């Protein structure tokens, strides 16, 4: 099966990390994992994944701090981040404002069958990002043609 892309999965829960890694691998993703914020930043810099799944409650460096560091680093700032959190919906707006591409409530991951929903969310976000990139590219080409034509 061809890889759908590189995913960095950051979660301090070994159980959830393993269950989600299995589901994402089954869906064709190449998965790297990290168990804390420090490791997450290191792996993100080394692997430059296509997308990052980031738990908010992490040891060493918290999820929101990791998100801020990723968005502040030119090498990782354009990597979409899906936030995994046990916190309620009311934090969604703030997290999206701080650079998260999407939000996934961990309580929906408790059952193994729902880890397939996580893979579907990853696919949806990557498709949206790729679509935005292709639209931006087409607009840039059109602008360049107009500039040359006039």
Protein backbone atom coordinates (compact mmCIF):
# COMPACT_ATOMS: atom_id res chain seq x y z
CA UNK A 1 0.00 0.00 0.00
CA UNK A 2 1.38 3.41 -0.94
CA UNK A 3 1.90 5.81 1.94
CA UNK A 4 -0.71 8.55 2.22
CA UNK A 5 1.74 10.80 3.99
CA UNK A 6 3.84 11.18 7.11
CA UNK A 7 2.04 11.64 10.42
CA UNK A 8 3.57 12.64 13.75
CA UNK A 9 1.39 11.36 16.60
CA UNK A 10 2.06 13.05 19.95
CA UNK A 11 0.35 11.58 23.02
CA UNK A 12 1.62 10.76 26.51
CA UNK A 13 -0.82 7.83 26.77
CA UNK A 14 1.04 4.77 25.50
CA UNK A 15 -2.26 2.93 25.02
CA UNK A 16 -3.84 5.65 22.84
CA UNK A 17 -0.56 6.20 21.00
CA UNK A 18 -0.36 2.51 20.06
CA UNK A 19 -4.06 2.21 19.11
CA UNK A 20 -3.96 5.35 16.95
CA UNK A 21 -0.61 4.43 15.41
CA UNK A 22 -2.10 1.06 14.38
CA UNK A 23 -5.20 2.69 12.87
CA UNK A 24 -3.17 5.29 10.96
CA UNK A 25 -0.68 2.69 9.70
CA UNK A 26 -3.61 0.54 8.54
CA UNK A 27 -4.90 3.59 6.64
CA UNK A 28 -1.56 3.80 4.83
CA UNK A 29 0.20 6.55 6.79
CA UNK A 30 3.86 6.49 7.79
CA UNK A 31 3.62 7.18 11.53
CA UNK A 32 6.22 8.64 13.90
CA UNK A 33 5.33 9.03 17.57
CA UNK A 34 6.36 11.15 20.55
CA UNK A 35 5.38 10.79 24.20
CA UNK A 36 6.10 14.33 25.40
CA UNK A 37 6.38 17.91 24.14
CA UNK A 38 10.17 17.96 23.96
CA UNK A 39 10.30 14.79 21.86
CA UNK A 40 7.45 16.14 19.69
CA UNK A 41 9.43 19.24 18.70
CA UNK A 42 12.56 17.18 18.04
CA UNK A 43 10.74 14.60 15.86
CA UNK A 44 8.80 17.33 14.01
CA UNK A 45 12.10 19.03 13.09
CA UNK A 46 13.81 15.76 12.10
CA UNK A 47 10.97 14.14 10.11
CA UNK A 48 9.04 17.21 8.88
CA UNK A 49 5.74 15.27 8.78
CA UNK A 50 2.82 16.17 6.50
CA UNK A 51 0.55 16.49 9.52
CA UNK A 52 0.85 16.44 13.31
CA UNK A 53 -1.66 14.99 15.79
CA UNK A 54 -0.99 16.80 19.03
CA UNK A 55 -2.31 15.93 22.49
CA UNK A 56 -2.76 19.02 24.68
CA UNK A 57 -1.90 17.44 28.04
CA UNK A 58 1.80 16.57 27.69
CA UNK A 59 4.73 16.22 30.09
CA UNK A 60 7.84 18.46 29.78
CA UNK A 61 6.35 20.97 27.30
CA UNK A 62 2.54 21.37 27.19
CA UNK A 63 0.52 20.89 24.00
CA UNK A 64 -0.33 24.61 23.61
CA UNK A 65 3.38 25.46 24.02
CA UNK A 66 4.33 22.83 21.42
CA UNK A 67 1.71 24.27 19.03
CA UNK A 68 3.11 27.77 19.55
CA UNK A 69 6.70 26.54 18.99
CA UNK A 70 5.71 24.65 15.82
CA UNK A 71 3.91 27.70 14.41
CA UNK A 72 6.85 29.95 15.33
CA UNK A 73 9.43 27.78 13.57
CA UNK A 74 9.81 28.45 9.81
CA UNK A 75 10.60 24.74 9.20
CA UNK A 76 7.35 23.51 10.81
CA UNK A 77 4.98 26.50 10.65
CA UNK A 78 3.11 25.23 7.57
CA UNK A 79 2.55 21.70 8.89
CA UNK A 80 -1.15 21.29 9.76
CA UNK A 81 -1.77 20.34 13.39
CA UNK A 82 -4.83 18.41 14.55
CA UNK A 83 -5.30 18.97 18.27
CA UNK A 84 -6.24 15.92 20.36
CA UNK A 85 -7.79 16.97 23.63
CA UNK A 86 -10.04 15.81 26.43
CA UNK A 87 -11.07 19.42 27.00
CA UNK A 88 -14.48 20.61 25.96
CA UNK A 89 -15.52 22.25 22.70
CA UNK A 90 -15.21 25.77 24.18
CA UNK A 91 -11.44 25.63 23.70
CA UNK A 92 -11.77 24.83 20.01
CA UNK A 93 -11.94 28.45 18.83
CA UNK A 94 -8.83 29.46 20.80
CA UNK A 95 -6.84 26.45 19.54
CA UNK A 96 -7.86 27.07 15.93
CA UNK A 97 -6.90 30.73 16.38
CA UNK A 98 -3.47 29.63 17.66
CA UNK A 99 -2.81 27.66 14.48
CA UNK A 100 -4.47 24.26 14.84
CA UNK A 101 -5.94 22.97 11.54
CA UNK A 102 -8.60 20.88 13.27
CA UNK A 103 -9.76 19.61 16.62
CA UNK A 104 -10.48 16.03 17.71
CA UNK A 105 -12.01 15.22 21.07
CA UNK A 106 -10.20 12.28 22.68
CA UNK A 107 -13.34 10.92 24.32
CA UNK A 108 -14.45 9.88 20.81
CA UNK A 109 -11.23 7.82 20.51
CA UNK A 110 -11.85 5.55 23.49
CA UNK A 111 -13.34 2.77 21.39
CA UNK A 112 -11.07 1.14 18.84
CA UNK A 113 -13.59 1.53 16.00
CA UNK A 114 -13.40 5.31 16.43
CA UNK A 115 -9.68 5.37 15.69
CA UNK A 116 -10.75 4.93 12.05
CA UNK A 117 -12.52 8.29 12.43
CA UNK A 118 -9.15 9.77 13.39
CA UNK A 119 -7.61 8.44 10.16
CA UNK A 120 -10.56 9.92 8.23
CA UNK A 121 -10.03 13.30 9.95
CA UNK A 122 -6.33 13.22 9.01
CA UNK A 123 -7.24 12.44 5.40
CA UNK A 124 -9.81 15.27 5.28
CA UNK A 125 -7.37 17.86 6.66
CA UNK A 126 -4.58 16.75 4.27
CA UNK A 127 -7.01 16.91 1.30
CA UNK A 128 -8.11 20.41 2.36
CA UNK A 129 -4.47 21.57 2.70
CA UNK A 130 -3.50 20.07 -0.67
CA UNK A 131 -6.54 21.67 -2.31
CA UNK A 132 -5.60 25.07 -0.82
CA UNK A 133 -2.03 24.64 -2.09
CA UNK A 134 -3.18 23.80 -5.62
CA UNK A 135 -5.60 26.75 -5.68
CA UNK A 136 -2.83 29.08 -4.44
CA UNK A 137 -0.48 27.70 -7.09
CA UNK A 138 -3.07 28.24 -9.87
CA UNK A 139 -3.69 31.80 -8.67
CA UNK A 140 0.05 32.50 -8.63
CA UNK A 141 0.40 31.15 -12.20
CA UNK A 142 -2.55 33.30 -13.36
CA UNK A 143 -1.06 36.37 -11.70
CA UNK A 144 2.31 35.65 -13.34
CA UNK A 145 0.65 35.26 -16.78
CA UNK A 146 -1.20 38.56 -16.34
CA UNK A 147 2.00 40.30 -15.26
CA UNK A 148 3.82 39.02 -18.35
CA UNK A 149 0.86 39.72 -20.67
CA UNK A 150 0.52 43.38 -19.65
